[in-house]
């Protein structure tokens, strides 16, 4: 207590100065409208700036949660699209249907590892058996086909990329409806080839190549790429068709797993006659 009294006595001049300043400021703001308005405006400006900075920080922190929410919403929309056969009106009805009545389920995932410069490229996603992922489930990006699941652990899955020498999927020319096999030859990260198209088929540069729906992996109509070049070699039985993939593999970050709910039934039936 004595120390506090000595402090007051030693600094009484400064203390009285601060008290008088506070009284003067209070009187000015109470009886001088211009100064009061100016002070309030400045205070609002400072508070607004701090609020904007805080909002920016919170927005950045919440980006992952927002992104996960968007992925989930997109997956729900894909579910409606792939399970609809009669347009948007029927697609909306699928939002209220039980999962068992749908042919396809869409599961959003993040790519946590991705290779593009090897002869046999793979990528890893952060969902696995605990989320219902199985080998031979299809993988698509927001642009089109990306790959196929080849192995799963409890919470992760390894996927073969389209940029793989042994990757094989069925593709359909959008104009003629002819189907062929998609292959990659490592000539370019974004280039592939469509095989088995006979020379009499009219194929145009810019024509879209879509999934055929002939397997239990991908629904029909998902973009694979677009035709960039067509060559007909003399005496050849098939055209040489080059395409540019729709998916940009070096930017692959977020994907969707396509799970065909009737896949095992289809495979069991097909295996009986092979």
Protein backbone atom coordinates (compact mmCIF):
# COMPACT_ATOMS: atom_id res chain seq x y z
CA UNK A 1 0.00 0.00 0.00
CA UNK A 2 2.85 2.39 0.86
CA UNK A 3 4.45 1.67 -2.52
CA UNK A 4 1.20 2.55 -4.28
CA UNK A 5 0.93 5.84 -2.35
CA UNK A 6 4.52 6.70 -3.17
CA UNK A 7 3.78 5.95 -6.86
CA UNK A 8 0.79 8.34 -6.81
CA UNK A 9 2.81 11.08 -5.12
CA UNK A 10 5.73 10.66 -7.51
CA UNK A 11 3.56 10.67 -10.64
CA UNK A 12 0.70 12.89 -9.50
CA UNK A 13 1.35 15.47 -12.24
CA UNK A 14 1.10 12.89 -15.04
CA UNK A 15 -1.97 11.31 -13.46
CA UNK A 16 -3.76 14.64 -13.15
CA UNK A 17 -2.81 15.42 -16.78
CA UNK A 18 -4.38 12.19 -18.02
CA UNK A 19 -7.53 12.74 -15.95
CA UNK A 20 -7.93 16.32 -17.23
CA UNK A 21 -7.36 15.15 -20.81
CA UNK A 22 -10.09 12.55 -20.49
CA UNK A 23 -12.47 15.14 -19.04
CA UNK A 24 -11.63 17.57 -21.87
CA UNK A 25 -12.16 14.90 -24.55
CA UNK A 26 -15.48 13.92 -22.98
CA UNK A 27 -16.66 17.55 -22.92
CA UNK A 28 -15.59 18.09 -26.54
CA UNK A 29 -17.47 15.00 -27.82
CA UNK A 30 -20.56 15.83 -25.76
CA UNK A 31 -20.79 19.52 -26.73
CA UNK A 32 -19.02 19.69 -30.14
CA UNK A 33 -21.06 17.74 -32.76
CA UNK A 34 -18.41 18.03 -35.49
CA UNK A 35 -15.62 16.50 -33.39
CA UNK A 36 -17.98 13.82 -32.11
CA UNK A 37 -19.07 12.84 -35.63
CA UNK A 38 -15.47 12.83 -36.85
CA UNK A 39 -14.39 10.58 -33.99
CA UNK A 40 -17.26 8.16 -34.59
CA UNK A 41 -16.49 8.00 -38.31
CA UNK A 42 -12.83 7.25 -37.64
CA UNK A 43 -13.77 4.63 -35.07
CA UNK A 44 -16.13 2.97 -37.51
CA UNK A 45 -13.43 2.98 -40.19
CA UNK A 46 -10.90 1.31 -37.89
CA UNK A 47 -13.46 -1.21 -36.62
CA UNK A 48 -14.58 -1.96 -40.18
CA UNK A 49 -10.98 -2.55 -41.29
CA UNK A 50 -10.40 -4.93 -38.38
CA UNK A 51 -13.65 -6.76 -39.17
CA UNK A 52 -12.61 -7.20 -42.82
CA UNK A 53 -9.21 -8.55 -41.80
CA UNK A 54 -10.80 -10.94 -39.32
CA UNK A 55 -13.35 -12.04 -41.93
CA UNK A 56 -10.55 -12.74 -44.42
CA UNK A 57 -8.68 -14.85 -41.88
CA UNK A 58 -11.81 -16.82 -40.94
CA UNK A 59 -12.66 -17.29 -44.63
CA UNK A 60 -9.20 -18.75 -45.28
CA UNK A 61 -9.45 -21.03 -42.24
CA UNK A 62 -12.88 -22.27 -43.39
CA UNK A 63 -11.86 -22.91 -47.03
CA UNK A 64 -11.37 -26.65 -46.52
CA UNK A 65 -14.78 -26.99 -44.87
CA UNK A 66 -16.40 -24.97 -47.67
CA UNK A 67 -14.60 -27.01 -50.33
CA UNK A 68 -15.66 -30.30 -48.74
CA UNK A 69 -19.24 -29.01 -48.69
CA UNK A 70 -19.08 -28.11 -52.38
CA UNK A 71 -17.66 -31.53 -53.25
CA UNK A 72 -20.49 -33.21 -51.34
CA UNK A 73 -23.10 -31.08 -53.13
CA UNK A 74 -21.54 -31.87 -56.51
CA UNK A 75 -21.53 -35.56 -55.67
CA UNK A 76 -25.24 -35.36 -54.90
CA UNK A 77 -25.86 -33.65 -58.26
CA UNK A 78 -23.84 -36.32 -60.07
CA UNK A 79 -25.91 -38.97 -58.31
CA UNK A 80 -29.07 -37.39 -59.68
CA UNK A 81 -27.61 -37.05 -63.17
CA UNK A 82 -26.23 -40.57 -63.53
CA UNK A 83 -29.34 -42.20 -62.13
CA UNK A 84 -31.78 -40.17 -64.21
CA UNK A 85 -33.10 -41.45 -67.52
CA UNK A 86 -35.89 -38.98 -68.05
CA UNK A 87 -34.30 -35.57 -67.59
CA UNK A 88 -34.12 -33.05 -64.79
CA UNK A 89 -37.68 -33.57 -63.52
CA UNK A 90 -37.00 -37.20 -62.73
CA UNK A 91 -33.49 -36.38 -61.47
CA UNK A 92 -34.93 -34.19 -58.76
CA UNK A 93 -37.05 -37.11 -57.56
CA UNK A 94 -33.94 -39.21 -57.04
CA UNK A 95 -32.86 -36.89 -54.23
CA UNK A 96 -35.52 -38.52 -52.05
CA UNK A 97 -34.97 -42.11 -53.11
CA UNK A 98 -33.20 -44.71 -51.06
CA UNK A 99 -29.60 -45.44 -52.07
CA UNK A 100 -30.46 -49.06 -52.86
CA UNK A 101 -32.71 -47.89 -55.70
CA UNK A 102 -29.87 -46.07 -57.47
CA UNK A 103 -27.41 -47.64 -59.87
CA UNK A 104 -24.58 -45.24 -59.04
CA UNK A 105 -23.25 -43.48 -55.96
CA UNK A 106 -20.77 -40.60 -56.08
CA UNK A 107 -18.18 -40.18 -53.31
CA UNK A 108 -16.00 -37.03 -53.21
CA UNK A 109 -12.28 -37.43 -52.50
CA UNK A 110 -9.02 -35.50 -52.37
CA UNK A 111 -5.96 -36.56 -54.36
CA UNK A 112 -3.08 -36.81 -51.89
CA UNK A 113 -0.44 -38.23 -54.25
CA UNK A 114 -0.19 -38.09 -58.03
CA UNK A 115 2.41 -39.15 -60.60
CA UNK A 116 2.36 -38.02 -64.24
CA UNK A 117 5.89 -38.48 -65.61
CA UNK A 118 6.21 -42.28 -65.36
CA UNK A 119 5.24 -44.89 -67.93
CA UNK A 120 2.77 -46.26 -65.40
CA UNK A 121 1.19 -43.44 -63.42
CA UNK A 122 -1.02 -43.76 -60.35
CA UNK A 123 -2.69 -41.40 -57.90
CA UNK A 124 -3.88 -41.92 -54.31
CA UNK A 125 -7.14 -40.61 -52.83
CA UNK A 126 -8.18 -40.15 -49.20
CA UNK A 127 -11.15 -42.53 -49.13
CA UNK A 128 -11.06 -46.30 -48.88
CA UNK A 129 -12.90 -49.44 -47.83
CA UNK A 130 -14.41 -47.74 -44.78
CA UNK A 131 -16.12 -45.30 -47.16
CA UNK A 132 -17.35 -48.09 -49.43
CA UNK A 133 -14.62 -47.83 -52.10
CA UNK A 134 -13.80 -51.02 -54.02
CA UNK A 135 -11.36 -52.00 -56.77
CA UNK A 136 -12.70 -51.23 -60.27
CA UNK A 137 -14.64 -48.18 -59.10
CA UNK A 138 -14.35 -45.35 -61.61
CA UNK A 139 -12.70 -41.99 -60.86
CA UNK A 140 -13.68 -38.73 -62.54
CA UNK A 141 -12.57 -35.13 -62.15
CA UNK A 142 -14.78 -32.08 -62.71
CA UNK A 143 -13.72 -32.26 -66.38
CA UNK A 144 -14.02 -35.97 -67.13
CA UNK A 145 -12.56 -39.45 -66.64
CA UNK A 146 -9.38 -39.63 -64.52
CA UNK A 147 -8.77 -43.30 -63.72
CA UNK A 148 -9.89 -46.50 -62.00
CA UNK A 149 -9.39 -47.80 -58.46
CA UNK A 150 -6.98 -50.76 -58.37
CA UNK A 151 -6.42 -51.27 -54.63
CA UNK A 152 -7.87 -50.04 -51.33
CA UNK A 153 -6.91 -49.85 -47.67
CA UNK A 154 -9.25 -48.85 -44.85
CA UNK A 155 -9.15 -45.11 -45.62
CA UNK A 156 -7.21 -44.74 -48.88
CA UNK A 157 -7.35 -46.01 -52.45
CA UNK A 158 -4.74 -46.40 -55.19
CA UNK A 159 -5.97 -45.51 -58.67
CA UNK A 160 -4.52 -46.21 -62.09
CA UNK A 161 -4.40 -43.03 -64.14
CA UNK A 162 -5.36 -42.74 -67.81
CA UNK A 163 -1.67 -41.85 -68.16
CA UNK A 164 -0.67 -45.51 -67.84
CA UNK A 165 0.59 -47.84 -70.57
CA UNK A 166 -1.82 -50.55 -69.40
CA UNK A 167 -4.87 -48.31 -69.00
CA UNK A 168 -7.79 -49.45 -71.14
CA UNK A 169 -11.30 -47.97 -71.17
CA UNK A 170 -14.07 -47.98 -73.75
CA UNK A 171 -14.82 -44.71 -75.52
CA UNK A 172 -17.61 -43.64 -77.87
CA UNK A 173 -17.44 -41.02 -80.65
CA UNK A 174 -20.15 -38.50 -79.92
CA UNK A 175 -21.19 -37.95 -83.55
CA UNK A 176 -21.24 -41.44 -85.04
CA UNK A 177 -21.68 -43.53 -81.89
CA UNK A 178 -18.82 -45.87 -82.85
CA UNK A 179 -16.87 -47.27 -79.91
CA UNK A 180 -13.20 -48.05 -79.51
CA UNK A 181 -10.52 -48.54 -76.89
CA UNK A 182 -8.61 -45.69 -75.26
CA UNK A 183 -4.86 -46.12 -74.83
CA UNK A 184 -1.93 -43.91 -73.79
CA UNK A 185 1.52 -44.10 -75.37
CA UNK A 186 3.50 -41.63 -73.19
CA UNK A 187 3.98 -39.28 -76.13
CA UNK A 188 2.25 -36.44 -74.26
CA UNK A 189 0.74 -35.94 -70.80
CA UNK A 190 -2.57 -34.79 -72.27
CA UNK A 191 -2.71 -36.94 -75.42
CA UNK A 192 -4.12 -40.40 -75.96
CA UNK A 193 -5.37 -42.60 -78.80
CA UNK A 194 -8.72 -44.14 -79.72
CA UNK A 195 -8.26 -47.53 -81.37
CA UNK A 196 -10.46 -49.94 -83.34
CA UNK A 197 -12.44 -47.35 -85.34
CA UNK A 198 -12.86 -48.54 -88.99
CA UNK A 199 -11.73 -46.21 -91.80
CA UNK A 200 -15.20 -45.64 -93.26
CA UNK A 201 -16.31 -43.76 -90.10
CA UNK A 202 -16.39 -39.98 -90.47
CA UNK A 203 -14.39 -38.60 -87.54
CA UNK A 204 -13.92 -34.84 -87.20
CA UNK A 205 -11.33 -32.83 -85.27
CA UNK A 206 -12.97 -31.39 -82.16
CA UNK A 207 -15.44 -34.27 -81.85
CA UNK A 208 -15.99 -35.34 -78.25
CA UNK A 209 -15.15 -38.82 -77.00
CA UNK A 210 -17.38 -40.08 -74.17
CA UNK A 211 -17.58 -43.18 -72.01
CA UNK A 212 -19.57 -45.92 -73.73
CA UNK A 213 -21.26 -47.38 -70.65
CA UNK A 214 -20.28 -50.89 -71.78
CA UNK A 215 -18.65 -51.73 -68.45
CA UNK A 216 -19.71 -51.70 -64.81
CA UNK A 217 -17.19 -48.93 -64.10
CA UNK A 218 -18.38 -45.73 -65.79
CA UNK A 219 -21.88 -44.61 -66.79
CA UNK A 220 -22.29 -43.66 -70.44
CA UNK A 221 -21.69 -40.09 -71.52
CA UNK A 222 -18.83 -38.93 -69.28
CA UNK A 223 -16.26 -36.85 -71.22
CA UNK A 224 -12.92 -38.50 -71.90
CA UNK A 225 -11.44 -36.05 -74.39
CA UNK A 226 -11.70 -34.45 -77.82
CA UNK A 227 -10.28 -35.53 -81.18
CA UNK A 228 -7.19 -33.56 -82.22
CA UNK A 229 -6.01 -35.53 -85.26
CA UNK A 230 -7.29 -38.29 -87.59
CA UNK A 231 -5.05 -40.33 -89.91
CA UNK A 232 -6.01 -43.08 -92.33
CA UNK A 233 -2.92 -45.06 -93.27
CA UNK A 234 -3.04 -46.91 -96.58
CA UNK A 235 -3.95 -50.55 -96.10
CA UNK A 236 -4.70 -50.12 -92.39
CA UNK A 237 -7.82 -51.71 -90.95
CA UNK A 238 -8.42 -48.91 -88.46
CA UNK A 239 -8.02 -45.15 -88.16
CA UNK A 240 -5.32 -43.54 -86.04
CA UNK A 241 -7.25 -41.10 -83.84
CA UNK A 242 -5.43 -38.81 -81.45
CA UNK A 243 -7.27 -37.11 -78.62
CA UNK A 244 -6.66 -34.60 -75.86
CA UNK A 245 -7.86 -35.74 -72.46
CA UNK A 246 -10.53 -33.65 -70.76
CA UNK A 247 -8.90 -34.07 -67.34
CA UNK A 248 -5.79 -31.99 -66.70
CA UNK A 249 -3.72 -34.56 -64.80
CA UNK A 250 -1.01 -32.22 -63.53
CA UNK A 251 -3.73 -30.22 -61.75
CA UNK A 252 -5.62 -33.21 -60.36
CA UNK A 253 -6.72 -32.29 -56.81
CA UNK A 254 -10.37 -33.18 -56.23
CA UNK A 255 -12.13 -36.19 -57.73
CA UNK A 256 -15.29 -38.29 -57.43
CA UNK A 257 -15.45 -42.05 -57.05
CA UNK A 258 -18.23 -43.68 -59.09
CA UNK A 259 -19.58 -46.76 -57.38
CA UNK A 260 -21.87 -48.97 -59.46
CA UNK A 261 -24.28 -50.61 -57.02
CA UNK A 262 -24.99 -53.51 -59.39
CA UNK A 263 -21.34 -54.08 -60.38
CA UNK A 264 -20.89 -57.43 -58.65
CA UNK A 265 -24.12 -58.81 -60.12
CA UNK A 266 -23.07 -57.74 -63.64
CA UNK A 267 -19.55 -59.15 -63.28
CA UNK A 268 -20.81 -62.45 -61.90
CA UNK A 269 -23.20 -62.82 -64.83
CA UNK A 270 -20.53 -61.95 -67.42
CA UNK A 271 -17.96 -64.27 -65.85
CA UNK A 272 -20.27 -67.25 -66.35
CA UNK A 273 -19.82 -66.95 -70.13
CA UNK A 274 -16.15 -66.09 -70.40
